[in-house]
PDB file of N, CA and C in Angstrom:
ATOM      1  N   MET A   1      38.756  27.276  28.963  1.00  0.00           N
ATOM      2  CA  MET A   1      37.766  27.404  27.877  1.00  0.00           C
ATOM      3  C   MET A   1      36.731  28.478  28.388  1.00  0.00           C
ATOM      4  N   LYS A   2      36.340  29.248  27.419  1.00  0.00           N
ATOM      5  CA  LYS A   2      35.317  30.357  27.622  1.00  0.00           C
ATOM      6  C   LYS A   2      33.990  29.806  27.947  1.00  0.00           C
ATOM      7  N   ARG A   3      33.355  30.304  28.973  1.00  0.00           N
ATOM      8  CA  ARG A   3      31.977  29.885  29.395  1.00  0.00           C
ATOM      9  C   ARG A   3      31.037  30.470  28.332  1.00  0.00           C
ATOM     10  N   GLN A   4      30.090  29.617  27.872  1.00  0.00           N
ATOM     11  CA  GLN A   4      29.139  30.026  26.841  1.00  0.00           C
ATOM     12  C   GLN A   4      27.823  30.421  27.485  1.00  0.00           C
ATOM     13  N   LYS A   5      27.163  31.339  26.901  1.00  0.00           N
ATOM     14  CA  LYS A   5      25.824  31.843  27.369  1.00  0.00           C
ATOM     15  C   LYS A   5      24.720  30.839  27.179  1.00  0.00           C
ATOM     16  N   LEU A   6      24.682  30.241  26.003  1.00  0.00           N
ATOM     17  CA  LEU A   6      23.697  29.267  25.644  1.00  0.00           C
ATOM     18  C   LEU A   6      24.217  28.238  24.665  1.00  0.00           C
ATOM     19  N   VAL A   7      24.323  27.011  25.086  1.00  0.00           N
ATOM     20  CA  VAL A   7      24.826  25.972  24.241  1.00  0.00           C
ATOM     21  C   VAL A   7      23.671  25.076  23.809  1.00  0.00           C
ATOM     22  N   VAL A   8      23.579  24.760  22.559  1.00  0.00           N
ATOM     23  CA  VAL A   8      22.545  23.954  21.989  1.00  0.00           C
ATOM     24  C   VAL A   8      23.107  22.720  21.372  1.00  0.00           C
ATOM     25  N   CYS A   9      22.463  21.551  21.654  1.00  0.00           N
ATOM     26  CA  CYS A   9      22.857  20.304  20.941  1.00  0.00           C
ATOM     27  C   CYS A   9      21.741  19.957  19.994  1.00  0.00           C
ATOM     28  N   MET A  10      21.942  20.020  18.754  1.00  0.00           N
ATOM     29  CA  MET A  10      20.948  19.598  17.775  1.00  0.00           C
ATOM     30  C   MET A  10      20.881  18.048  17.644  1.00  0.00           C
ATOM     31  N   ALA A  11      19.814  17.611  17.063  1.00  0.00           N
ATOM     32  CA  ALA A  11      19.651  16.140  16.752  1.00  0.00           C
ATOM     33  C   ALA A  11      20.745  15.711  15.830  1.00  0.00           C
ATOM     34  N   PRO A  12      21.167  14.522  15.828  1.00  0.00           N
ATOM     35  CA  PRO A  12      22.181  14.006  14.861  1.00  0.00           C
ATOM     36  C   PRO A  12      21.752  14.244  13.419  1.00  0.00           C
ATOM     37  N   THR A  13      22.644  14.576  12.601  1.00  0.00           N
ATOM     38  CA  THR A  13      22.405  14.780  11.139  1.00  0.00           C
ATOM     39  C   THR A  13      22.476  13.452  10.356  1.00  0.00           C
ATOM     40  N   TYR A  14      21.693  13.331   9.308  1.00  0.00           N
ATOM     41  CA  TYR A  14      21.694  12.241   8.419  1.00  0.00           C
ATOM     42  C   TYR A  14      21.895  12.661   6.950  1.00  0.00           C
ATOM     43  N   ALA A  15      22.262  11.791   6.066  1.00  0.00           N
ATOM     44  CA  ALA A  15      22.542  12.112   4.765  1.00  0.00           C
ATOM     45  C   ALA A  15      21.313  12.790   4.054  1.00  0.00           C
ATOM     46  N   LEU A  16      20.083  12.408   4.492  1.00  0.00           N
ATOM     47  CA  LEU A  16      18.925  12.916   3.889  1.00  0.00           C
ATOM     48  C   LEU A  16      18.469  14.311   4.301  1.00  0.00           C
ATOM     49  N   ILE A  17      19.202  14.925   5.298  1.00  0.00           N
ATOM     50  CA  ILE A  17      18.790  16.216   5.825  1.00  0.00           C
ATOM     51  C   ILE A  17      18.913  17.199   4.708  1.00  0.00           C
ATOM     52  N   GLU A  18      17.880  18.023   4.581  1.00  0.00           N
ATOM     53  CA  GLU A  18      17.820  19.160   3.587  1.00  0.00           C
ATOM     54  C   GLU A  18      18.698  20.213   4.073  1.00  0.00           C
ATOM     55  N   TRP A  19      19.650  20.705   3.344  1.00  0.00           N
ATOM     56  CA  TRP A  19      20.635  21.665   3.839  1.00  0.00           C
ATOM     57  C   TRP A  19      20.017  22.989   4.225  1.00  0.00           C
ATOM     58  N   ARG A  20      18.920  23.296   3.472  1.00  0.00           N
ATOM     59  CA  ARG A  20      18.213  24.587   3.831  1.00  0.00           C
ATOM     60  C   ARG A  20      17.623  24.553   5.168  1.00  0.00           C
ATOM     61  N   ILE A  21      17.005  23.408   5.534  1.00  0.00           N
ATOM     62  CA  ILE A  21      16.446  23.197   6.942  1.00  0.00           C
ATOM     63  C   ILE A  21      17.574  23.245   7.991  1.00  0.00           C
ATOM     64  N   LEU A  22      18.657  22.646   7.696  1.00  0.00           N
ATOM     65  CA  LEU A  22      19.804  22.702   8.590  1.00  0.00           C
ATOM     66  C   LEU A  22      20.252  24.166   8.854  1.00  0.00           C
ATOM     67  N   LEU A  23      20.471  24.908   7.696  1.00  0.00           N
ATOM     68  CA  LEU A  23      20.821  26.310   7.761  1.00  0.00           C
ATOM     69  C   LEU A  23      19.786  27.145   8.636  1.00  0.00           C
ATOM     70  N   LEU A  24      18.534  26.871   8.317  1.00  0.00           N
ATOM     71  CA  LEU A  24      17.535  27.660   9.023  1.00  0.00           C
ATOM     72  C   LEU A  24      17.620  27.301  10.452  1.00  0.00           C
ATOM     73  N   GLY A  25      17.823  26.068  10.905  1.00  0.00           N
ATOM     74  CA  GLY A  25      17.824  25.731  12.284  1.00  0.00           C
ATOM     75  C   GLY A  25      19.007  26.368  12.964  1.00  0.00           C
ATOM     76  N   ILE A  26      20.167  26.419  12.292  1.00  0.00           N
ATOM     77  CA  ILE A  26      21.367  27.113  12.894  1.00  0.00           C
ATOM     78  C   ILE A  26      21.083  28.546  13.148  1.00  0.00           C
ATOM     79  N   GLU A  27      20.559  29.182  12.124  1.00  0.00           N
ATOM     80  CA  GLU A  27      20.336  30.664  12.172  1.00  0.00           C
ATOM     81  C   GLU A  27      19.241  30.991  13.250  1.00  0.00           C
ATOM     82  N   VAL A  28      18.265  30.136  13.359  1.00  0.00           N
ATOM     83  CA  VAL A  28      17.250  30.376  14.374  1.00  0.00           C
ATOM     84  C   VAL A  28      17.858  30.369  15.745  1.00  0.00           C
ATOM     85  N   TRP A  29      18.653  29.277  16.003  1.00  0.00           N
ATOM     86  CA  TRP A  29      19.328  29.146  17.299  1.00  0.00           C
ATOM     87  C   TRP A  29      20.190  30.368  17.586  1.00  0.00           C
ATOM     88  N   LEU A  30      20.961  30.826  16.575  1.00  0.00           N
ATOM     89  CA  LEU A  30      21.841  31.958  16.805  1.00  0.00           C
ATOM     90  C   LEU A  30      20.973  33.203  17.109  1.00  0.00           C
ATOM     91  N   ALA A  31      19.896  33.339  16.399  1.00  0.00           N
ATOM     92  CA  ALA A  31      19.028  34.498  16.646  1.00  0.00           C
ATOM     93  C   ALA A  31      18.430  34.512  18.074  1.00  0.00           C
ATOM     94  N   LEU A  32      18.187  33.264  18.530  1.00  0.00           N
ATOM     95  CA  LEU A  32      17.728  33.143  19.928  1.00  0.00           C
ATOM     96  C   LEU A  32      18.754  33.260  20.993  1.00  0.00           C
ATOM     97  N   GLY A  33      19.984  33.555  20.573  1.00  0.00           N
ATOM     98  CA  GLY A  33      21.109  33.815  21.542  1.00  0.00           C
ATOM     99  C   GLY A  33      22.049  32.703  21.777  1.00  0.00           C
ATOM    100  N   ALA A  34      21.973  31.620  20.973  1.00  0.00           N
ATOM    101  CA  ALA A  34      22.932  30.484  21.145  1.00  0.00           C
ATOM    102  C   ALA A  34      24.365  31.045  20.833  1.00  0.00           C
ATOM    103  N   THR A  35      25.315  30.621  21.659  1.00  0.00           N
ATOM    104  CA  THR A  35      26.603  31.063  21.436  1.00  0.00           C
ATOM    105  C   THR A  35      27.498  29.882  20.959  1.00  0.00           C
ATOM    106  N   LYS A  36      26.956  28.710  21.108  1.00  0.00           N
ATOM    107  CA  LYS A  36      27.637  27.530  20.630  1.00  0.00           C
ATOM    108  C   LYS A  36      26.602  26.409  20.317  1.00  0.00           C
ATOM    109  N   ILE A  37      26.719  25.812  19.149  1.00  0.00           N
ATOM    110  CA  ILE A  37      25.848  24.761  18.714  1.00  0.00           C
ATOM    111  C   ILE A  37      26.623  23.522  18.417  1.00  0.00           C
ATOM    112  N   ILE A  38      26.228  22.421  19.130  1.00  0.00           N
ATOM    113  CA  ILE A  38      26.940  21.117  18.966  1.00  0.00           C
ATOM    114  C   ILE A  38      26.114  20.342  17.991  1.00  0.00           C
ATOM    115  N   ILE A  39      26.688  19.855  16.907  1.00  0.00           N
ATOM    116  CA  ILE A  39      25.977  19.123  15.913  1.00  0.00           C
ATOM    117  C   ILE A  39      26.682  17.723  15.709  1.00  0.00           C
ATOM    118  N   PRO A  40      25.956  16.711  16.117  1.00  0.00           N
ATOM    119  CA  PRO A  40      26.476  15.374  15.951  1.00  0.00           C
ATOM    120  C   PRO A  40      26.193  14.931  14.479  1.00  0.00           C
ATOM    121  N   ILE A  41      27.193  14.275  13.815  1.00  0.00           N
ATOM    122  CA  ILE A  41      27.019  13.871  12.368  1.00  0.00           C
ATOM    123  C   ILE A  41      27.117  12.384  12.378  1.00  0.00           C
ATOM    124  N   GLN A  42      26.065  11.735  11.861  1.00  0.00           N
ATOM    125  CA  GLN A  42      26.138  10.364  11.559  1.00  0.00           C
ATOM    126  C   GLN A  42      26.443  10.123  10.081  1.00  0.00           C
ATOM    127  N   SER A  43      25.734  10.858   9.237  1.00  0.00           N
ATOM    128  CA  SER A  43      26.082  10.912   7.769  1.00  0.00           C
ATOM    129  C   SER A  43      25.490  12.246   7.264  1.00  0.00           C
ATOM    130  N   ILE A  44      26.037  12.778   6.210  1.00  0.00           N
ATOM    131  CA  ILE A  44      25.627  14.100   5.836  1.00  0.00           C
ATOM    132  C   ILE A  44      26.017  14.266   4.321  1.00  0.00           C
ATOM    133  N   SER A  45      25.286  15.109   3.638  1.00  0.00           N
ATOM    134  CA  SER A  45      25.507  15.417   2.261  1.00  0.00           C
ATOM    135  C   SER A  45      26.732  16.355   2.175  1.00  0.00           C
ATOM    136  N   ARG A  46      27.366  16.389   1.040  1.00  0.00           N
ATOM    137  CA  ARG A  46      28.559  17.256   0.854  1.00  0.00           C
ATOM    138  C   ARG A  46      28.159  18.766   1.008  1.00  0.00           C
ATOM    139  N   ASP A  47      27.082  19.171   0.459  1.00  0.00           N
ATOM    140  CA  ASP A  47      26.663  20.505   0.614  1.00  0.00           C
ATOM    141  C   ASP A  47      26.374  20.918   2.014  1.00  0.00           C
ATOM    142  N   ALA A  48      25.661  20.176   2.770  1.00  0.00           N
ATOM    143  CA  ALA A  48      25.385  20.387   4.147  1.00  0.00           C
ATOM    144  C   ALA A  48      26.664  20.457   4.980  1.00  0.00           C
ATOM    145  N   PHE A  49      27.607  19.538   4.700  1.00  0.00           N
ATOM    146  CA  PHE A  49      28.830  19.464   5.458  1.00  0.00           C
ATOM    147  C   PHE A  49      29.688  20.757   5.206  1.00  0.00           C
ATOM    148  N   ARG A  50      29.670  21.213   3.965  1.00  0.00           N
ATOM    149  CA  ARG A  50      30.450  22.433   3.684  1.00  0.00           C
ATOM    150  C   ARG A  50      29.831  23.662   4.425  1.00  0.00           C
ATOM    151  N   ILE A  51      28.546  23.652   4.586  1.00  0.00           N
ATOM    152  CA  ILE A  51      27.951  24.755   5.355  1.00  0.00           C
ATOM    153  C   ILE A  51      28.405  24.613   6.790  1.00  0.00           C
ATOM    154  N   LEU A  52      28.288  23.420   7.378  1.00  0.00           N
ATOM    155  CA  LEU A  52      28.785  23.282   8.731  1.00  0.00           C
ATOM    156  C   LEU A  52      30.222  23.608   8.981  1.00  0.00           C
ATOM    157  N   LEU A  53      31.056  23.283   8.044  1.00  0.00           N
ATOM    158  CA  LEU A  53      32.472  23.645   8.181  1.00  0.00           C
ATOM    159  C   LEU A  53      32.686  25.130   8.261  1.00  0.00           C
ATOM    160  N   GLU A  54      31.891  25.892   7.526  1.00  0.00           N
ATOM    161  CA  GLU A  54      31.995  27.381   7.604  1.00  0.00           C
ATOM    162  C   GLU A  54      31.538  27.899   9.019  1.00  0.00           C
ATOM    163  N   TYR A  55      30.496  27.263   9.525  1.00  0.00           N
ATOM    164  CA  TYR A  55      30.057  27.690  10.853  1.00  0.00           C
ATOM    165  C   TYR A  55      31.116  27.264  11.896  1.00  0.00           C
ATOM    166  N   GLU A  56      31.662  26.115  11.750  1.00  0.00           N
ATOM    167  CA  GLU A  56      32.699  25.683  12.633  1.00  0.00           C
ATOM    168  C   GLU A  56      33.916  26.561  12.625  1.00  0.00           C
ATOM    169  N   ARG A  57      34.334  26.957  11.360  1.00  0.00           N
ATOM    170  CA  ARG A  57      35.489  27.838  11.218  1.00  0.00           C
ATOM    171  C   ARG A  57      35.260  29.182  11.934  1.00  0.00           C
ATOM    172  N   ASP A  58      33.971  29.624  11.836  1.00  0.00           N
ATOM    173  CA  ASP A  58      33.698  30.935  12.533  1.00  0.00           C
ATOM    174  C   ASP A  58      33.378  30.859  13.982  1.00  0.00           C
ATOM    175  N   GLY A  59      33.454  29.577  14.530  1.00  0.00           N
ATOM    176  CA  GLY A  59      33.469  29.407  16.011  1.00  0.00           C
ATOM    177  C   GLY A  59      32.031  29.231  16.536  1.00  0.00           C
ATOM    178  N   PHE A  60      30.986  29.113  15.696  1.00  0.00           N
ATOM    179  CA  PHE A  60      29.636  28.943  16.146  1.00  0.00           C
ATOM    180  C   PHE A  60      29.189  27.557  16.426  1.00  0.00           C
ATOM    181  N   VAL A  61      29.854  26.652  15.706  1.00  0.00           N
ATOM    182  CA  VAL A  61      29.512  25.223  15.662  1.00  0.00           C
ATOM    183  C   VAL A  61      30.563  24.289  16.119  1.00  0.00           C
ATOM    184  N   ILE A  62      30.286  23.266  16.871  1.00  0.00           N
ATOM    185  CA  ILE A  62      31.184  22.148  17.215  1.00  0.00           C
ATOM    186  C   ILE A  62      30.646  20.904  16.499  1.00  0.00           C
ATOM    187  N   LEU A  63      31.389  20.355  15.690  1.00  0.00           N
ATOM    188  CA  LEU A  63      31.017  19.048  14.998  1.00  0.00           C
ATOM    189  C   LEU A  63      31.512  17.875  15.689  1.00  0.00           C
ATOM    190  N   ARG A  64      30.622  16.896  15.899  1.00  0.00           N
ATOM    191  CA  ARG A  64      30.969  15.655  16.596  1.00  0.00           C
ATOM    192  C   ARG A  64      30.550  14.461  15.815  1.00  0.00           C
ATOM    193  N   HIS A  65      31.345  13.469  15.732  1.00  0.00           N
ATOM    194  CA  HIS A  65      30.974  12.192  15.128  1.00  0.00           C
ATOM    195  C   HIS A  65      29.887  11.545  15.859  1.00  0.00           C
ATOM    196  N   TRP A  66      28.803  11.053  15.261  1.00  0.00           N
ATOM    197  CA  TRP A  66      27.817  10.245  15.949  1.00  0.00           C
ATOM    198  C   TRP A  66      27.761   8.897  15.344  1.00  0.00           C
ATOM    199  N   PRO A  67      28.323   7.913  16.048  1.00  0.00           N
ATOM    200  CA  PRO A  67      28.471   6.523  15.545  1.00  0.00           C
ATOM    201  C   PRO A  67      27.118   5.829  15.386  1.00  0.00           C
ATOM    202  N   LYS A  68      27.135   4.941  14.494  1.00  0.00           N
ATOM    203  CA  LYS A  68      25.937   3.999  14.379  1.00  0.00           C
ATOM    204  C   LYS A  68      26.087   2.888  15.405  1.00  0.00           C
ATOM    205  N   TRP A  69      24.957   2.590  16.051  1.00  0.00           N
ATOM    206  CA  TRP A  69      24.919   1.545  17.039  1.00  0.00           C
ATOM    207  C   TRP A  69      24.740   0.239  16.331  1.00  0.00           C
ATOM    208  N   PRO A  70      25.229  -0.847  16.985  1.00  0.00           N
ATOM    209  CA  PRO A  70      25.053  -2.150  16.397  1.00  0.00           C
ATOM    210  C   PRO A  70      23.602  -2.529  16.295  1.00  0.00           C
ATOM    211  N   ILE A  71      23.275  -3.199  15.241  1.00  0.00           N
ATOM    212  CA  ILE A  71      21.906  -3.683  15.028  1.00  0.00           C
ATOM    213  C   ILE A  71      21.673  -5.008  15.729  1.00  0.00           C
ATOM    214  N   LEU A  72      20.691  -4.985  16.678  1.00  0.00           N
ATOM    215  CA  LEU A  72      20.407  -6.225  17.439  1.00  0.00           C
ATOM    216  C   LEU A  72      19.567  -7.150  16.598  1.00  0.00           C
ATOM    217  N   SER A  73      19.366  -8.325  16.951  1.00  0.00           N
ATOM    218  CA  SER A  73      18.576  -9.232  16.223  1.00  0.00           C
ATOM    219  C   SER A  73      17.123  -8.867  16.079  1.00  0.00           C
ATOM    220  N   ASP A  74      16.636  -8.187  17.075  1.00  0.00           N
ATOM    221  CA  ASP A  74      15.157  -7.858  17.071  1.00  0.00           C
ATOM    222  C   ASP A  74      14.900  -6.317  16.912  1.00  0.00           C
ATOM    223  N   LYS A  75      15.905  -5.468  17.069  1.00  0.00           N
ATOM    224  CA  LYS A  75      15.730  -4.072  17.013  1.00  0.00           C
ATOM    225  C   LYS A  75      16.886  -3.379  16.338  1.00  0.00           C
ATOM    226  N   ASN A  76      16.573  -2.263  15.667  1.00  0.00           N
ATOM    227  CA  ASN A  76      17.582  -1.400  15.107  1.00  0.00           C
ATOM    228  C   ASN A  76      17.631  -0.110  16.007  1.00  0.00           C
ATOM    229  N   PRO A  77      18.581  -0.005  16.943  1.00  0.00           N
ATOM    230  CA  PRO A  77      18.571   1.210  17.816  1.00  0.00           C
ATOM    231  C   PRO A  77      18.910   2.511  17.181  1.00  0.00           C
ATOM    232  N   ASN A  78      19.339   2.518  15.842  1.00  0.00           N
ATOM    233  CA  ASN A  78      19.696   3.788  15.172  1.00  0.00           C
ATOM    234  C   ASN A  78      18.479   4.645  14.982  1.00  0.00           C
ATOM    235  N   GLY A  79      17.341   4.056  15.005  1.00  0.00           N
ATOM    236  CA  GLY A  79      16.145   4.875  14.844  1.00  0.00           C
ATOM    237  C   GLY A  79      15.737   5.599  16.145  1.00  0.00           C
ATOM    238  N   LEU A  80      16.408   5.287  17.243  1.00  0.00           N
ATOM    239  CA  LEU A  80      16.074   5.887  18.523  1.00  0.00           C
ATOM    240  C   LEU A  80      17.066   6.951  18.987  1.00  0.00           C
ATOM    241  N   VAL A  81      17.637   7.663  18.107  1.00  0.00           N
ATOM    242  CA  VAL A  81      18.763   8.578  18.382  1.00  0.00           C
ATOM    243  C   VAL A  81      18.319   9.725  19.285  1.00  0.00           C
ATOM    244  N   LEU A  82      17.080  10.204  19.171  1.00  0.00           N
ATOM    245  CA  LEU A  82      16.684  11.326  19.972  1.00  0.00           C
ATOM    246  C   LEU A  82      16.643  10.997  21.509  1.00  0.00           C
ATOM    247  N   SER A  83      16.309   9.750  21.830  1.00  0.00           N
ATOM    248  CA  SER A  83      16.311   9.359  23.207  1.00  0.00           C
ATOM    249  C   SER A  83      17.763   9.320  23.753  1.00  0.00           C
ATOM    250  N   ARG A  84      18.684   8.983  22.905  1.00  0.00           N
ATOM    251  CA  ARG A  84      20.110   8.933  23.343  1.00  0.00           C
ATOM    252  C   ARG A  84      20.716  10.360  23.266  1.00  0.00           C
ATOM    253  N   GLY A  85      20.105  11.307  22.608  1.00  0.00           N
ATOM    254  CA  GLY A  85      20.601  12.615  22.498  1.00  0.00           C
ATOM    255  C   GLY A  85      20.750  13.297  23.871  1.00  0.00           C
ATOM    256  N   LYS A  86      19.860  12.960  24.803  1.00  0.00           N
ATOM    257  CA  LYS A  86      19.919  13.549  26.144  1.00  0.00           C
ATOM    258  C   LYS A  86      21.190  13.187  26.766  1.00  0.00           C
ATOM    259  N   ILE A  87      21.612  11.879  26.634  1.00  0.00           N
ATOM    260  CA  ILE A  87      22.913  11.451  27.258  1.00  0.00           C
ATOM    261  C   ILE A  87      24.059  12.182  26.638  1.00  0.00           C
ATOM    262  N   PHE A  88      23.978  12.347  25.298  1.00  0.00           N
ATOM    263  CA  PHE A  88      25.046  13.074  24.518  1.00  0.00           C
ATOM    264  C   PHE A  88      25.233  14.478  25.007  1.00  0.00           C
ATOM    265  N   VAL A  89      24.042  15.143  25.213  1.00  0.00           N
ATOM    266  CA  VAL A  89      24.109  16.577  25.582  1.00  0.00           C
ATOM    267  C   VAL A  89      24.734  16.686  27.021  1.00  0.00           C
ATOM    268  N   SER A  90      24.397  15.772  27.886  1.00  0.00           N
ATOM    269  CA  SER A  90      24.898  15.781  29.218  1.00  0.00           C
ATOM    270  C   SER A  90      26.448  15.569  29.164  1.00  0.00           C
ATOM    271  N   LEU A  91      26.899  14.674  28.455  1.00  0.00           N
ATOM    272  CA  LEU A  91      28.337  14.444  28.337  1.00  0.00           C
ATOM    273  C   LEU A  91      29.087  15.634  27.693  1.00  0.00           C
ATOM    274  N   GLN A  92      28.497  16.238  26.679  1.00  0.00           N
ATOM    275  CA  GLN A  92      29.146  17.372  26.033  1.00  0.00           C
ATOM    276  C   GLN A  92      29.220  18.609  26.891  1.00  0.00           C
ATOM    277  N   LEU A  93      28.104  18.854  27.661  1.00  0.00           N
ATOM    278  CA  LEU A  93      28.175  20.013  28.563  1.00  0.00           C
ATOM    279  C   LEU A  93      29.239  19.838  29.684  1.00  0.00           C
ATOM    280  N   LYS A  94      29.456  18.678  30.124  1.00  0.00           N
ATOM    281  CA  LYS A  94      30.511  18.432  31.098  1.00  0.00           C
ATOM    282  C   LYS A  94      31.884  18.816  30.559  1.00  0.00           C
ATOM    283  N   GLN A  95      32.065  18.697  29.265  1.00  0.00           N
ATOM    284  CA  GLN A  95      33.382  18.894  28.660  1.00  0.00           C
ATOM    285  C   GLN A  95      33.612  20.403  28.394  1.00  0.00           C
ATOM    286  N   LEU A  96      32.532  21.240  28.413  1.00  0.00           N
ATOM    287  CA  LEU A  96      32.620  22.671  28.102  1.00  0.00           C
ATOM    288  C   LEU A  96      33.136  23.495  29.295  1.00  0.00           C
TER     289      LEU A  96
END
């Protein structure tokens, strides 16, 4: 596998993400020199997913499924995804 100059892992996407903000985020990272962007998907709108599929087809984006964590009796860990994102990035970089 080709070594990448700059790999970025974005925060997991959710159905409520505005596709224009998603598009802007991708384009900003590409302008800053990113050669690969990993995007975890928990849920997503049809329009946003179509955009991501185009970037994936062009080789800029890697799409990954982001599972929902089980809800505990006293806490819902799904609201804490950014803290788990660090672990996800670490695991993904080891695979590149």
